Every structure is written in structure tokens, then in C-alpha cells.
């Protein structure tokens, strides 16, 4: 057997033997990395990243306070929206009173002057009762825009602007706004609200 091995090695070129040994060592090294070292190294990196994230979260009470303030603000907005939608289900005169009160409150907050709220007609629309109102307001254009943007938060999902007109009053940037507002609510039963 030794003779056979010597003759086989004699036929191999002298440069091929070191190359084969380097290749064998590279294969063993790659298998060692793949089978033994890769998984623990990946796990170690994941643990250090998790530790860093948790440390940052624990050390930053300011971000926690900001998140808490944001969540409190969202809860306040949702509760105001739900309260507004529940008030729309009241009898028509209470709904008109609620509408005027809320529009006046938000107008004052946004620097807008509410010039009038006039109840319009009532009609059935696709299984809902529609209450129409004509609303007039004056103020600077950006303040009026902010006031309009707050409608959904103030009056809830059941309020829609159906007609809109804006005219310049003077050169100081003051604008007069007239719009028709429709409030939609489930139809009232004949004996309810009396």
C-alpha cells in the first residue's frame, strides 16, 4: 500500500499538494464557522442590540413622557368626538343648541367670529335623518381654515359641509365665510324625545 501511495503522489504535480492542503484547511475553517461559530455570533449580536434598545428605553423618561402625553391627547380627542356624536342623537332643538355652542366655542378658540347659525330643513336621506344648518363666520383666512379643519373633531363623523362660499371683506385679510352644514343621525322613533 505504501508503494501505491508513493506512485500516486509522484504523479501529482508538486504545486498541487500545497494547494490541496490549503483547500482542505479552508473547507474545515468554513465548516467550523458555519456549524459552530455563526449561530452563537448571530445570537450575541441580537442580544447586544436588544440590550442597547432596552437601555435606551429605560434611560429616556422624556420620550416616555412624550408618548404618554401623545396618548392622553388622543384619548381626549376620541372622547370629545364620541361625546359630540352622542349629542347629535338628541332631539332637534337640543342638537341645534349643541351645534351653536360647539361652533361658538371652537370659533372663539381659533380667533373666528361666528356671525350666525340658522337651522334649515330636516329630511330623510338613505335611512338617515339629515339636519341642515346655515353657518356664517368671519376672520382671517388661515384661522377660518383651521376652524374648518376642526369640524370633524368638534362635531364627529356625522357632520358634512354641503355648500361653501368665502368672500373677502376688507384688505386686511379678513374673510367672510358662509357654509351649509348637514348633520346625519339615525332616524328618530315617533315617540322619542318628548
C-alpha atoms as a PDB file:
ATOM      1  CA  UNK A   1       0.000   0.000   0.000  1.00  0.00           C
ATOM      2  CA  UNK A   2       2.878   2.365   0.670  1.00  0.00           C
ATOM      3  CA  UNK A   3       4.202   1.764  -2.826  1.00  0.00           C
ATOM      4  CA  UNK A   4       0.846   2.576  -4.363  1.00  0.00           C
ATOM      5  CA  UNK A   5       0.639   5.790  -2.359  1.00  0.00           C
ATOM      6  CA  UNK A   6       4.159   6.832  -3.387  1.00  0.00           C
ATOM      7  CA  UNK A   7       3.402   6.263  -7.065  1.00  0.00           C
ATOM      8  CA  UNK A   8       0.137   8.241  -6.814  1.00  0.00           C
ATOM      9  CA  UNK A   9       1.914  11.130  -5.087  1.00  0.00           C
ATOM     10  CA  UNK A  10       4.720  11.038  -7.637  1.00  0.00           C
ATOM     11  CA  UNK A  11       2.246  11.583 -10.439  1.00  0.00           C
ATOM     12  CA  UNK A  12       0.724  14.677  -8.731  1.00  0.00           C
ATOM     13  CA  UNK A  13       2.456  17.953  -9.705  1.00  0.00           C
ATOM     14  CA  UNK A  14       4.495  19.435  -6.819  1.00  0.00           C
ATOM     15  CA  UNK A  15       2.391  22.635  -6.670  1.00  0.00           C
ATOM     16  CA  UNK A  16      -0.928  20.789  -6.368  1.00  0.00           C
ATOM     17  CA  UNK A  17      -0.169  19.236  -2.971  1.00  0.00           C
ATOM     18  CA  UNK A  18       0.160  22.563  -1.007  1.00  0.00           C
ATOM     19  CA  UNK A  19      -2.876  23.877  -2.893  1.00  0.00           C
ATOM     20  CA  UNK A  20      -4.901  20.834  -1.865  1.00  0.00           C
ATOM     21  CA  UNK A  21      -3.792  21.265   1.759  1.00  0.00           C
ATOM     22  CA  UNK A  22      -4.791  24.972   1.743  1.00  0.00           C
ATOM     23  CA  UNK A  23      -8.143  23.992   0.202  1.00  0.00           C
ATOM     24  CA  UNK A  24      -8.702  21.337   2.877  1.00  0.00           C
ATOM     25  CA  UNK A  25      -7.868  23.813   5.664  1.00  0.00           C
ATOM     26  CA  UNK A  26     -10.254  26.392   4.082  1.00  0.00           C
ATOM     27  CA  UNK A  27     -13.062  23.837   3.918  1.00  0.00           C
ATOM     28  CA  UNK A  28     -12.526  22.838   7.548  1.00  0.00           C
ATOM     29  CA  UNK A  29     -12.422  26.523   8.581  1.00  0.00           C
ATOM     30  CA  UNK A  30     -15.634  27.315   6.673  1.00  0.00           C
ATOM     31  CA  UNK A  31     -17.437  24.323   8.173  1.00  0.00           C
ATOM     32  CA  UNK A  32     -16.232  25.321  11.618  1.00  0.00           C
ATOM     33  CA  UNK A  33     -17.555  28.846  11.106  1.00  0.00           C
ATOM     34  CA  UNK A  34     -20.849  27.685   9.634  1.00  0.00           C
ATOM     35  CA  UNK A  35     -21.555  24.868  12.081  1.00  0.00           C
ATOM     36  CA  UNK A  36     -20.016  26.131  15.311  1.00  0.00           C
ATOM     37  CA  UNK A  37     -19.440  29.893  15.381  1.00  0.00           C
ATOM     38  CA  UNK A  38     -22.074  31.550  13.185  1.00  0.00           C
ATOM     39  CA  UNK A  39     -25.136  30.794  15.307  1.00  0.00           C
ATOM     40  CA  UNK A  40     -23.670  31.966  18.642  1.00  0.00           C
ATOM     41  CA  UNK A  41     -22.300  35.126  16.991  1.00  0.00           C
ATOM     42  CA  UNK A  42     -25.691  35.994  15.496  1.00  0.00           C
ATOM     43  CA  UNK A  43     -27.344  35.355  18.870  1.00  0.00           C
ATOM     44  CA  UNK A  44     -24.746  37.534  20.609  1.00  0.00           C
ATOM     45  CA  UNK A  45     -25.371  40.404  18.159  1.00  0.00           C
ATOM     46  CA  UNK A  46     -29.144  40.107  18.673  1.00  0.00           C
ATOM     47  CA  UNK A  47     -28.726  40.183  22.453  1.00  0.00           C
ATOM     48  CA  UNK A  48     -26.475  43.249  22.359  1.00  0.00           C
ATOM     49  CA  UNK A  49     -28.938  45.084  20.087  1.00  0.00           C
ATOM     50  CA  UNK A  50     -31.836  44.209  22.400  1.00  0.00           C
ATOM     51  CA  UNK A  51     -29.841  45.282  25.442  1.00  0.00           C
ATOM     52  CA  UNK A  52     -28.978  48.603  23.809  1.00  0.00           C
ATOM     53  CA  UNK A  53     -32.626  49.240  22.864  1.00  0.00           C
ATOM     54  CA  UNK A  54     -33.880  48.398  26.361  1.00  0.00           C
ATOM     55  CA  UNK A  55     -31.196  50.527  27.982  1.00  0.00           C
ATOM     56  CA  UNK A  56     -32.147  53.475  25.788  1.00  0.00           C
ATOM     57  CA  UNK A  57     -35.828  52.998  26.629  1.00  0.00           C
ATOM     58  CA  UNK A  58     -35.145  52.859  30.367  1.00  0.00           C
ATOM     59  CA  UNK A  59     -32.805  55.859  30.327  1.00  0.00           C
ATOM     60  CA  UNK A  60     -35.142  58.153  28.366  1.00  0.00           C
ATOM     61  CA  UNK A  61     -38.090  59.095  30.565  1.00  0.00           C
ATOM     62  CA  UNK A  62     -38.581  62.197  28.403  1.00  0.00           C
ATOM     63  CA  UNK A  63     -39.584  60.045  25.429  1.00  0.00           C
ATOM     64  CA  UNK A  64     -41.883  58.022  27.672  1.00  0.00           C
ATOM     65  CA  UNK A  65     -43.465  61.227  28.947  1.00  0.00           C
ATOM     66  CA  UNK A  66     -43.875  62.491  25.370  1.00  0.00           C
ATOM     67  CA  UNK A  67     -45.534  59.204  24.399  1.00  0.00           C
ATOM     68  CA  UNK A  68     -47.803  59.410  27.444  1.00  0.00           C
ATOM     69  CA  UNK A  69     -48.777  62.996  26.554  1.00  0.00           C
ATOM     70  CA  UNK A  70     -49.493  61.962  22.947  1.00  0.00           C
ATOM     71  CA  UNK A  71     -51.691  59.084  24.105  1.00  0.00           C
ATOM     72  CA  UNK A  72     -53.563  61.334  26.559  1.00  0.00           C
ATOM     73  CA  UNK A  73     -54.181  63.812  23.753  1.00  0.00           C
ATOM     74  CA  UNK A  74     -55.525  61.043  21.514  1.00  0.00           C
ATOM     75  CA  UNK A  75     -57.822  59.785  24.291  1.00  0.00           C
ATOM     76  CA  UNK A  76     -59.107  63.339  24.845  1.00  0.00           C
ATOM     77  CA  UNK A  77     -59.788  63.790  21.108  1.00  0.00           C
ATOM     78  CA  UNK A  78     -61.576  60.459  20.825  1.00  0.00           C
ATOM     79  CA  UNK A  79     -63.713  61.138  23.902  1.00  0.00           C
ATOM     80  CA  UNK A  80     -64.641  64.596  22.532  1.00  0.00           C
ATOM     81  CA  UNK A  81     -65.552  63.045  19.173  1.00  0.00           C
ATOM     82  CA  UNK A  82     -67.674  60.336  20.798  1.00  0.00           C
ATOM     83  CA  UNK A  83     -69.364  62.897  23.047  1.00  0.00           C
ATOM     84  CA  UNK A  84     -70.161  65.054  20.001  1.00  0.00           C
ATOM     85  CA  UNK A  85     -71.618  62.126  18.101  1.00  0.00           C
ATOM     86  CA  UNK A  86     -73.757  61.105  21.076  1.00  0.00           C
ATOM     87  CA  UNK A  87     -75.144  64.641  21.406  1.00  0.00           C
ATOM     88  CA  UNK A  88     -76.217  64.588  17.750  1.00  0.00           C
ATOM     89  CA  UNK A  89     -78.715  61.866  18.619  1.00  0.00           C
ATOM     90  CA  UNK A  90     -80.593  64.255  20.949  1.00  0.00           C
ATOM     91  CA  UNK A  91     -83.884  65.916  19.920  1.00  0.00           C
ATOM     92  CA  UNK A  92     -83.622  68.534  17.167  1.00  0.00           C
ATOM     93  CA  UNK A  93     -83.712  71.616  19.414  1.00  0.00           C
ATOM     94  CA  UNK A  94     -81.000  70.149  21.692  1.00  0.00           C
ATOM     95  CA  UNK A  95     -78.908  69.252  18.643  1.00  0.00           C
ATOM     96  CA  UNK A  96     -79.200  72.824  17.319  1.00  0.00           C
ATOM     97  CA  UNK A  97     -78.234  74.195  20.727  1.00  0.00           C
ATOM     98  CA  UNK A  98     -75.274  71.824  20.940  1.00  0.00           C
ATOM     99  CA  UNK A  99     -74.180  72.774  17.414  1.00  0.00           C
ATOM    100  CA  UNK A 100     -74.311  76.522  18.148  1.00  0.00           C
ATOM    101  CA  UNK A 101     -72.463  76.097  21.440  1.00  0.00           C
ATOM    102  CA  UNK A 102     -69.698  73.959  19.948  1.00  0.00           C
ATOM    103  CA  UNK A 103     -69.256  76.126  16.853  1.00  0.00           C
ATOM    104  CA  UNK A 104     -69.091  79.263  19.011  1.00  0.00           C
ATOM    105  CA  UNK A 105     -66.592  77.656  21.406  1.00  0.00           C
ATOM    106  CA  UNK A 106     -64.276  76.473  18.625  1.00  0.00           C
ATOM    107  CA  UNK A 107     -64.646  79.760  16.742  1.00  0.00           C
ATOM    108  CA  UNK A 108     -63.542  81.698  19.821  1.00  0.00           C
ATOM    109  CA  UNK A 109     -60.640  79.290  20.331  1.00  0.00           C
ATOM    110  CA  UNK A 110     -59.458  79.710  16.734  1.00  0.00           C
ATOM    111  CA  UNK A 111     -59.951  83.506  16.623  1.00  0.00           C
ATOM    112  CA  UNK A 112     -63.012  83.384  14.357  1.00  0.00           C
ATOM    113  CA  UNK A 113     -66.236  85.355  14.871  1.00  0.00           C
ATOM    114  CA  UNK A 114     -69.378  83.262  14.406  1.00  0.00           C
ATOM    115  CA  UNK A 115     -71.897  85.571  12.707  1.00  0.00           C
ATOM    116  CA  UNK A 116     -74.866  83.241  12.630  1.00  0.00           C
ATOM    117  CA  UNK A 117     -76.258  79.735  12.762  1.00  0.00           C
ATOM    118  CA  UNK A 118     -79.626  79.258  11.122  1.00  0.00           C
ATOM    119  CA  UNK A 119     -81.416  75.898  11.265  1.00  0.00           C
ATOM    120  CA  UNK A 120     -82.549  74.638   7.889  1.00  0.00           C
ATOM    121  CA  UNK A 121     -84.794  71.784   6.940  1.00  0.00           C
ATOM    122  CA  UNK A 122     -84.922  68.190   8.038  1.00  0.00           C
ATOM    123  CA  UNK A 123     -85.250  65.265   5.632  1.00  0.00           C
ATOM    124  CA  UNK A 124     -84.664  61.533   5.288  1.00  0.00           C
ATOM    125  CA  UNK A 125     -81.569  60.535   3.294  1.00  0.00           C
ATOM    126  CA  UNK A 126     -80.762  56.849   2.717  1.00  0.00           C
ATOM    127  CA  UNK A 127     -82.003  55.703   6.101  1.00  0.00           C
ATOM    128  CA  UNK A 128     -80.578  58.688   7.999  1.00  0.00           C
ATOM    129  CA  UNK A 129     -82.127  61.887   9.192  1.00  0.00           C
ATOM    130  CA  UNK A 130     -80.393  64.972   7.785  1.00  0.00           C
ATOM    131  CA  UNK A 131     -80.490  68.226   9.767  1.00  0.00           C
ATOM    132  CA  UNK A 132     -79.335  71.226   7.715  1.00  0.00           C
ATOM    133  CA  UNK A 133     -77.844  74.435   9.112  1.00  0.00           C
ATOM    134  CA  UNK A 134     -76.569  77.619   7.509  1.00  0.00           C
ATOM    135  CA  UNK A 135     -73.452  78.894   9.283  1.00  0.00           C
ATOM    136  CA  UNK A 136     -71.746  82.264   8.869  1.00  0.00           C
ATOM    137  CA  UNK A 137     -68.341  83.281  10.230  1.00  0.00           C
ATOM    138  CA  UNK A 138     -65.685  85.966   9.789  1.00  0.00           C
ATOM    139  CA  UNK A 139     -61.978  86.046  10.454  1.00  0.00           C
ATOM    140  CA  UNK A 140     -58.566  85.783   8.873  1.00  0.00           C
ATOM    141  CA  UNK A 141     -58.326  83.168   6.165  1.00  0.00           C
ATOM    142  CA  UNK A 142     -55.898  80.854   7.969  1.00  0.00           C
ATOM    143  CA  UNK A 143     -57.918  80.996  11.167  1.00  0.00           C
ATOM    144  CA  UNK A 144     -61.071  80.112   9.225  1.00  0.00           C
ATOM    145  CA  UNK A 145     -59.275  77.212   7.583  1.00  0.00           C
ATOM    146  CA  UNK A 146     -58.152  75.893  10.971  1.00  0.00           C
ATOM    147  CA  UNK A 147     -61.701  76.254  12.268  1.00  0.00           C
ATOM    148  CA  UNK A 148     -62.996  74.244   9.299  1.00  0.00           C
ATOM    149  CA  UNK A 149     -60.367  71.568   9.835  1.00  0.00           C
ATOM    150  CA  UNK A 150     -61.582  71.165  13.418  1.00  0.00           C
ATOM    151  CA  UNK A 151     -65.172  70.405  12.334  1.00  0.00           C
ATOM    152  CA  UNK A 152     -64.634  66.641  12.262  1.00  0.00           C
ATOM    153  CA  UNK A 153     -63.182  66.664  15.787  1.00  0.00           C
ATOM    154  CA  UNK A 154     -65.857  69.032  17.098  1.00  0.00           C
ATOM    155  CA  UNK A 155     -68.986  67.570  15.541  1.00  0.00           C
ATOM    156  CA  UNK A 156     -67.949  63.981  14.826  1.00  0.00           C
ATOM    157  CA  UNK A 157     -68.225  61.800  11.761  1.00  0.00           C
ATOM    158  CA  UNK A 158     -71.884  62.670  11.144  1.00  0.00           C
ATOM    159  CA  UNK A 159     -71.228  66.287  10.088  1.00  0.00           C
ATOM    160  CA  UNK A 160     -70.628  67.311   6.480  1.00  0.00           C
ATOM    161  CA  UNK A 161     -70.184  70.646   4.725  1.00  0.00           C
ATOM    162  CA  UNK A 162     -72.556  70.612   1.744  1.00  0.00           C
ATOM    163  CA  UNK A 163     -72.046  74.147   0.402  1.00  0.00           C
ATOM    164  CA  UNK A 164     -69.198  76.563   0.927  1.00  0.00           C
ATOM    165  CA  UNK A 165     -68.600  80.210  -0.003  1.00  0.00           C
ATOM    166  CA  UNK A 166     -65.769  82.518   1.046  1.00  0.00           C
ATOM    167  CA  UNK A 167     -65.568  86.256   0.268  1.00  0.00           C
ATOM    168  CA  UNK A 168     -63.010  88.924   1.126  1.00  0.00           C
ATOM    169  CA  UNK A 169     -64.362  91.602   3.500  1.00  0.00           C
ATOM    170  CA  UNK A 170     -61.514  94.086   3.574  1.00  0.00           C
ATOM    171  CA  UNK A 171     -57.904  94.420   2.534  1.00  0.00           C
ATOM    172  CA  UNK A 172     -56.643  93.392   5.966  1.00  0.00           C
ATOM    173  CA  UNK A 173     -57.058  89.731   5.064  1.00  0.00           C
ATOM    174  CA  UNK A 174     -60.424  89.313   6.769  1.00  0.00           C
ATOM    175  CA  UNK A 175     -62.774  86.927   5.061  1.00  0.00           C
ATOM    176  CA  UNK A 176     -66.498  86.165   5.364  1.00  0.00           C
ATOM    177  CA  UNK A 177     -67.461  82.531   5.216  1.00  0.00           C
ATOM    178  CA  UNK A 178     -70.896  81.072   4.652  1.00  0.00           C
ATOM    179  CA  UNK A 179     -71.480  77.372   4.519  1.00  0.00           C
ATOM    180  CA  UNK A 180     -74.257  74.867   4.712  1.00  0.00           C
ATOM    181  CA  UNK A 181     -73.721  72.132   7.216  1.00  0.00           C
ATOM    182  CA  UNK A 182     -75.563  68.816   7.306  1.00  0.00           C
ATOM    183  CA  UNK A 183     -75.686  66.603  10.384  1.00  0.00           C
ATOM    184  CA  UNK A 184     -76.638  62.989   9.824  1.00  0.00           C
ATOM    185  CA  UNK A 185     -78.071  60.782  12.544  1.00  0.00           C
ATOM    186  CA  UNK A 186     -80.192  57.656  12.749  1.00  0.00           C
ATOM    187  CA  UNK A 187     -83.896  58.387  12.295  1.00  0.00           C
ATOM    188  CA  UNK A 188     -85.776  59.108  15.493  1.00  0.00           C
ATOM    189  CA  UNK A 189     -88.724  56.960  16.502  1.00  0.00           C
ATOM    190  CA  UNK A 190     -92.085  58.822  16.596  1.00  0.00           C
ATOM    191  CA  UNK A 191     -92.358  58.907  20.415  1.00  0.00           C
ATOM    192  CA  UNK A 192     -88.687  59.603  21.266  1.00  0.00           C
ATOM    193  CA  UNK A 193     -87.513  62.887  22.730  1.00  0.00           C
ATOM    194  CA  UNK A 194     -90.906  64.000  24.105  1.00  0.00           C
END
